[in-house]
Amino acid sequence: MNAARDPQQQHAGLLRASQVAGEASAAAAEVSPPQLVEPDLTGAAFFDVDNTVMRGASIFHLARGLARRKFFTAGEVADFAFKQAKFVMGGSEDLADMTSATEAALAFVKGKAVKEVLDLGEEIFDELMSRKLWPGTLALAQGHLDRGQRVWLVTATPVELATLIARRLGLTGALGTVSEIENGSYTGRLIGAPLHGKAKAEAVRALADREGLDLVRCTAYSDSANDVPMLSVVGRAVAVNPDSTLRKHARAVGWEIHDYRRARLNTHYYIPAALAAAAGLGIGVGVGIGAARVRRDGWTLIEPLARKP
């Protein structure tokens, strides 16, 4: 049997890569100063980012902002968009697929100084991300802070961007995909696997060990069925803006559900997410129908804009 295709070896490789990614993410997590309330030393909350804290994918918002600043070429954007869409639509848990998709997301910053990307990220947060935030989810996070609990973002987004978002939102810190950095610049490679699926659960466990948290007293929030492993390691799990699979699972096991999405228009169309991403980043796909919103199931809702009389 070809060892490279042995399912047991594939599973073992995925598990080990997830553990490495989780440990690296926990080690890279920075902690903000404590809040001015009585601290709860063993309770915390963990929030997924994309479609849980903000509408759409944070890495797409970053890429869109960098594209506006001529940070990379149209061809690089197209390659990134289509690789990401292929991964999302396939829903693959294959280690090679996950790594390829995430490294595609890192390709456009390969060789770039980390400080330069983060400085632009600050501008892009104000320009694009701040208006994509879900007020309802932010209120949930603030409730934990008010009770003295630490609040962490847990996302496949590069940890530097995740930490920037956490800091701008006044949260404790972030767990994210750890990229290799040499001499202050991105190499375009990962440390371990992307922080996705099982790797998120491993990161939460590693952080709990480091910070002395009691996971039974912790809460996790996500919109995606991919995050069931993370939601399952804490004492309280909450589905926020859930996809259909997570909604079904949450109802079956009795998890809380919060949905802050506005009602959809009666008329809408769907196109592959890659095309919508390319259009949104200025590739010139020529959709021209209306406003696009990327969904986790790999398709984008195109809502017709109101026509002027």
Protein backbone atom coordinates (compact mmCIF):
# COMPACT_ATOMS: atom_id res chain seq x y z
CA MET A 1 0.00 0.00 0.00
CA ASN A 2 1.25 3.45 -0.81
CA ALA A 3 2.08 4.97 2.57
CA ALA A 4 1.28 8.46 1.33
CA ARG A 5 -2.33 7.35 0.77
CA ASP A 6 -2.75 5.22 3.87
CA PRO A 7 -5.83 6.64 5.68
CA GLN A 8 -4.35 5.83 9.11
CA GLN A 9 -1.13 7.64 8.32
CA GLN A 10 -3.09 10.55 6.83
CA HIS A 11 -5.18 10.78 10.02
CA ALA A 12 -2.09 10.58 12.23
CA GLY A 13 -0.36 13.25 10.15
CA LEU A 14 -3.38 15.54 10.35
CA LEU A 15 -3.65 15.05 14.11
CA ARG A 16 0.03 15.78 14.68
CA ALA A 17 -0.03 18.83 12.40
CA SER A 18 -3.10 20.10 14.25
CA GLN A 19 -1.35 19.66 17.58
CA VAL A 20 1.72 21.54 16.32
CA ALA A 21 -0.49 24.32 14.94
CA GLY A 22 -2.44 24.55 18.21
CA GLU A 23 0.68 24.67 20.36
CA ALA A 24 2.32 27.24 18.08
CA SER A 25 -0.81 29.40 18.10
CA ALA A 26 -1.08 29.31 21.90
CA ALA A 27 2.61 30.15 22.24
CA ALA A 28 2.23 33.11 19.86
CA ALA A 29 -0.85 34.51 21.59
CA GLU A 30 -0.29 37.87 23.24
CA VAL A 31 -2.23 38.92 26.33
CA SER A 32 -3.62 42.42 26.83
CA PRO A 33 -3.61 44.12 30.25
CA PRO A 34 -6.35 42.87 32.63
CA GLN A 35 -9.71 44.61 32.70
CA LEU A 36 -10.63 46.84 35.63
CA VAL A 37 -13.10 44.32 37.09
CA GLU A 38 -12.74 41.42 39.49
CA PRO A 39 -10.91 38.84 37.36
CA ASP A 40 -12.34 35.41 36.73
CA LEU A 41 -9.11 33.44 36.57
CA THR A 42 -10.50 30.16 35.25
CA GLY A 43 -13.33 31.22 32.93
CA ALA A 44 -12.90 32.53 29.37
CA ALA A 45 -14.66 32.83 26.02
CA PHE A 46 -13.44 31.83 22.56
CA PHE A 47 -14.88 33.40 19.41
CA ASP A 48 -14.44 32.35 15.80
CA VAL A 49 -14.02 35.45 13.59
CA ASP A 50 -15.32 34.98 10.04
CA ASN A 51 -19.12 35.26 9.93
CA THR A 52 -19.21 35.07 13.73
CA VAL A 53 -17.62 38.37 14.77
CA MET A 54 -17.62 39.98 11.34
CA ARG A 55 -19.45 39.47 8.05
CA GLY A 56 -17.33 37.68 5.49
CA ALA A 57 -13.75 36.49 5.76
CA SER A 58 -11.18 38.73 7.45
CA ILE A 59 -8.42 37.52 5.11
CA PHE A 60 -10.53 38.58 2.10
CA HIS A 61 -11.06 42.03 3.62
CA LEU A 62 -7.30 42.32 4.16
CA ALA A 63 -6.57 41.16 0.60
CA ARG A 64 -9.10 43.58 -0.81
CA GLY A 65 -7.54 46.48 1.10
CA LEU A 66 -4.04 45.49 0.00
CA ALA A 67 -5.22 45.21 -3.61
CA ARG A 68 -6.51 48.77 -3.46
CA ARG A 69 -3.03 49.80 -2.41
CA LYS A 70 -1.42 47.96 -5.35
CA PHE A 71 0.28 45.61 -2.89
CA PHE A 72 0.13 42.67 -5.32
CA THR A 73 -0.97 41.84 -8.85
CA ALA A 74 -4.36 40.86 -10.24
CA GLY A 75 -2.99 37.41 -11.11
CA GLU A 76 -1.92 36.83 -7.52
CA VAL A 77 -5.39 37.83 -6.30
CA ALA A 78 -7.07 35.47 -8.76
CA ASP A 79 -4.86 32.53 -7.72
CA PHE A 80 -5.60 33.22 -4.06
CA ALA A 81 -9.35 33.58 -4.62
CA PHE A 82 -9.80 30.40 -6.62
CA LYS A 83 -7.67 28.23 -4.31
CA GLN A 84 -9.59 29.50 -1.30
CA ALA A 85 -12.93 28.90 -3.00
CA LYS A 86 -11.97 25.37 -4.04
CA PHE A 87 -11.08 24.56 -0.45
CA VAL A 88 -14.25 26.13 0.99
CA MET A 89 -16.58 24.49 -1.52
CA GLY A 90 -14.93 21.12 -1.06
CA GLY A 91 -15.13 21.31 2.72
CA SER A 92 -11.99 19.18 2.82
CA GLU A 93 -10.34 18.05 6.04
CA ASP A 94 -7.35 16.80 4.04
CA LEU A 95 -4.12 18.21 5.47
CA ALA A 96 -2.59 18.87 2.05
CA ASP A 97 -5.72 20.72 0.85
CA MET A 98 -5.89 22.85 3.99
CA THR A 99 -2.22 23.72 3.86
CA SER A 100 -2.38 24.56 0.15
CA ALA A 101 -5.37 26.86 0.66
CA THR A 102 -3.82 28.68 3.60
CA GLU A 103 -0.41 29.00 1.97
CA ALA A 104 -2.21 30.51 -1.04
CA ALA A 105 -3.60 33.09 1.35
CA LEU A 106 -0.08 33.80 2.57
CA ALA A 107 1.49 33.90 -0.88
CA PHE A 108 0.66 37.54 -1.48
CA VAL A 109 2.63 38.60 1.63
CA LYS A 110 5.60 36.32 0.97
CA GLY A 111 8.79 38.37 1.32
CA LYS A 112 6.90 41.33 2.75
CA ALA A 113 7.87 42.88 6.07
CA VAL A 114 5.48 41.91 8.87
CA LYS A 115 5.44 45.50 10.15
CA GLU A 116 4.44 46.84 6.72
CA VAL A 117 1.53 44.40 6.45
CA LEU A 118 0.35 45.19 9.98
CA ASP A 119 0.59 48.95 9.48
CA LEU A 120 -1.61 48.62 6.39
CA GLY A 121 -3.83 46.20 8.31
CA GLU A 122 -4.60 48.96 10.81
CA GLU A 123 -5.82 51.18 7.96
CA ILE A 124 -7.79 48.34 6.37
CA PHE A 125 -9.50 47.52 9.67
CA ASP A 126 -10.84 51.08 9.83
CA GLU A 127 -11.64 51.17 6.11
CA LEU A 128 -13.33 47.80 5.59
CA MET A 129 -13.54 45.57 8.65
CA SER A 130 -14.97 47.91 11.27
CA ARG A 131 -18.26 48.24 9.38
CA LYS A 132 -18.55 44.46 8.94
CA LEU A 133 -18.75 43.69 12.67
CA TRP A 134 -21.83 42.04 14.18
CA PRO A 135 -23.02 44.24 17.10
CA GLY A 136 -24.83 41.28 18.67
CA THR A 137 -21.66 39.19 18.80
CA LEU A 138 -19.65 42.10 20.19
CA ALA A 139 -22.26 42.44 22.94
CA LEU A 140 -21.76 38.77 23.83
CA ALA A 141 -18.00 39.31 24.03
CA GLN A 142 -18.45 42.42 26.16
CA GLY A 143 -20.64 40.45 28.55
CA HIS A 144 -17.73 38.10 29.25
CA LEU A 145 -15.33 41.01 29.75
CA ASP A 146 -17.78 42.63 32.17
CA ARG A 147 -17.73 39.42 34.21
CA GLY A 148 -13.95 39.54 34.37
CA GLN A 149 -13.41 36.74 31.88
CA ARG A 150 -10.77 36.80 29.17
CA VAL A 151 -12.00 36.77 25.57
CA TRP A 152 -9.97 35.24 22.75
CA LEU A 153 -10.48 35.13 19.01
CA VAL A 154 -9.78 31.72 17.45
CA THR A 155 -9.39 31.79 13.68
CA ALA A 156 -7.58 30.37 10.66
CA THR A 157 -6.60 33.95 9.81
CA PRO A 158 -2.87 34.66 10.32
CA VAL A 159 -2.27 35.28 14.02
CA GLU A 160 -0.87 38.77 13.39
CA LEU A 161 -4.12 39.91 11.75
CA ALA A 162 -6.21 38.10 14.37
CA THR A 163 -4.26 39.83 17.15
CA LEU A 164 -4.75 43.21 15.47
CA ILE A 165 -8.52 42.63 15.33
CA ALA A 166 -8.61 41.50 18.96
CA ARG A 167 -6.69 44.56 20.09
CA ARG A 168 -8.93 46.94 18.13
CA LEU A 169 -11.99 45.31 19.70
CA GLY A 170 -10.56 45.53 23.21
CA LEU A 171 -10.36 41.76 23.64
CA THR A 172 -7.71 39.74 25.46
CA GLY A 173 -5.90 38.25 22.48
CA ALA A 174 -6.13 35.86 19.57
CA LEU A 175 -5.24 32.38 18.42
CA GLY A 176 -4.54 32.18 14.69
CA THR A 177 -2.56 30.41 12.01
CA VAL A 178 1.14 30.85 12.68
CA SER A 179 3.24 31.79 9.67
CA GLU A 180 6.96 31.35 9.40
CA ILE A 181 8.86 34.64 9.71
CA GLU A 182 12.51 35.17 8.90
CA ASN A 183 14.34 38.47 9.44
CA GLY A 184 11.05 40.24 10.05
CA SER A 185 9.43 39.09 6.78
CA TYR A 186 6.94 36.36 5.85
CA THR A 187 8.36 33.28 4.12
CA GLY A 188 4.95 32.17 2.82
CA ARG A 189 5.15 28.91 4.80
CA LEU A 190 3.20 27.70 7.84
CA ILE A 191 4.19 26.30 11.20
CA GLY A 192 2.12 23.14 11.51
CA ALA A 193 -1.31 23.15 9.88
CA PRO A 194 -3.79 26.01 9.38
CA LEU A 195 -5.73 26.74 12.57
CA HIS A 196 -8.84 25.01 11.27
CA GLY A 197 -11.13 22.30 12.60
CA LYS A 198 -9.29 20.08 15.08
CA ALA A 199 -6.36 22.51 15.25
CA LYS A 200 -8.64 25.12 16.86
CA ALA A 201 -9.56 22.67 19.59
CA GLU A 202 -5.87 21.89 20.15
CA ALA A 203 -5.07 25.61 20.39
CA VAL A 204 -7.82 26.17 22.96
CA ARG A 205 -6.57 23.22 25.03
CA ALA A 206 -2.97 24.47 24.83
CA LEU A 207 -3.98 28.00 25.85
CA ALA A 208 -6.09 26.66 28.72
CA ASP A 209 -3.07 24.75 30.00
CA ARG A 210 -0.88 27.84 29.69
CA GLU A 211 -3.36 30.22 31.32
CA GLY A 212 -4.81 27.90 33.95
CA LEU A 213 -8.34 27.90 32.51
CA ASP A 214 -11.03 25.40 33.42
CA LEU A 215 -12.55 24.48 30.06
CA VAL A 216 -15.77 23.34 31.74
CA ARG A 217 -16.28 27.00 32.78
CA CYS A 218 -15.44 28.35 29.31
CA THR A 219 -17.68 29.26 26.37
CA ALA A 220 -17.05 29.00 22.62
CA TYR A 221 -18.87 30.70 19.74
CA SER A 222 -18.84 29.88 16.01
CA ASP A 223 -20.93 29.92 12.84
CA SER A 224 -19.40 26.85 11.21
CA ALA A 225 -19.75 23.09 11.56
CA ASN A 226 -15.99 22.96 11.00
CA ASP A 227 -15.65 24.32 14.55
CA VAL A 228 -17.58 21.53 16.27
CA PRO A 229 -14.27 20.22 17.73
CA MET A 230 -13.62 23.60 19.40
CA LEU A 231 -17.23 23.98 20.52
CA SER A 232 -17.10 20.50 22.04
CA VAL A 233 -14.09 21.07 24.32
CA VAL A 234 -15.78 23.75 26.44
CA GLY A 235 -18.60 23.60 28.93
CA ARG A 236 -20.90 25.94 26.98
CA ALA A 237 -21.15 26.09 23.19
CA VAL A 238 -23.04 28.74 21.22
CA ALA A 239 -23.82 28.72 17.49
CA VAL A 240 -23.77 32.25 16.07
CA ASN A 241 -25.14 32.85 12.56
CA PRO A 242 -24.82 29.08 12.06
CA ASP A 243 -24.53 27.29 8.75
CA SER A 244 -27.19 24.65 8.16
CA THR A 245 -25.05 21.75 9.42
CA LEU A 246 -24.10 23.51 12.64
CA ARG A 247 -27.68 24.63 13.23
CA LYS A 248 -28.89 21.05 12.92
CA HIS A 249 -26.14 19.79 15.25
CA ALA A 250 -26.74 22.56 17.79
CA ARG A 251 -30.44 21.72 17.96
CA ALA A 252 -29.66 18.01 18.35
CA VAL A 253 -27.27 18.50 21.28
CA GLY A 254 -29.02 21.47 22.90
CA TRP A 255 -26.51 24.24 22.19
CA GLU A 256 -27.63 27.88 22.20
CA ILE A 257 -28.24 29.55 18.84
CA HIS A 258 -28.01 33.27 18.06
CA ASP A 259 -28.61 34.58 14.53
CA TYR A 260 -27.91 38.23 13.81
CA ARG A 261 -28.17 38.11 10.04
CA ARG A 262 -30.74 40.36 8.44
CA ALA A 263 -33.58 38.80 6.52
CA ARG A 264 -32.62 37.94 2.97
CA LEU A 265 -34.29 39.65 0.07
CA ASN A 266 -36.92 37.64 -1.72
CA THR A 267 -34.92 37.71 -4.93
CA HIS A 268 -31.30 36.59 -4.92
CA TYR A 269 -28.78 34.74 -6.99
CA TYR A 270 -25.79 32.54 -6.18
CA ILE A 271 -22.42 32.41 -7.89
CA PRO A 272 -19.20 30.59 -6.93
CA ALA A 273 -17.35 32.34 -4.12
CA ALA A 274 -14.15 32.56 -6.17
CA LEU A 275 -15.83 34.73 -8.79
CA ALA A 276 -17.33 36.96 -6.15
CA ALA A 277 -13.98 37.27 -4.40
CA ALA A 278 -12.27 38.16 -7.65
CA ALA A 279 -14.97 40.70 -8.46
CA GLY A 280 -14.75 42.23 -4.99
CA LEU A 281 -10.97 42.52 -5.29
CA GLY A 282 -11.17 44.31 -8.60
CA ILE A 283 -10.33 41.50 -11.03
CA GLY A 284 -13.11 42.57 -13.37
CA VAL A 285 -15.18 39.41 -13.54
CA GLY A 286 -18.08 41.55 -14.64
CA VAL A 287 -20.83 40.17 -12.43
CA GLY A 288 -22.38 43.60 -12.02
CA ILE A 289 -25.62 42.34 -10.47
CA GLY A 290 -25.50 43.85 -7.02
CA ALA A 291 -23.93 43.42 -3.60
CA ALA A 292 -22.05 40.19 -2.91
CA ARG A 293 -21.79 38.36 0.39
CA VAL A 294 -19.53 35.32 0.76
CA ARG A 295 -21.05 32.26 2.43
CA ARG A 296 -19.23 29.38 4.10
CA ASP A 297 -20.81 26.83 1.78
CA GLY A 298 -18.70 28.15 -1.08
CA TRP A 299 -21.31 30.26 -2.82
CA THR A 300 -21.97 33.97 -2.71
CA LEU A 301 -25.33 35.59 -2.31
CA ILE A 302 -25.84 38.32 -4.89
CA GLU A 303 -28.56 40.69 -3.73
CA PRO A 304 -29.99 43.03 -6.37
CA LEU A 305 -29.49 46.67 -5.54
CA ALA A 306 -32.57 48.85 -5.33
CA ARG A 307 -33.21 50.55 -8.66
CA LYS A 308 -33.59 54.28 -8.74
CA PRO A 309 -36.99 55.47 -9.94
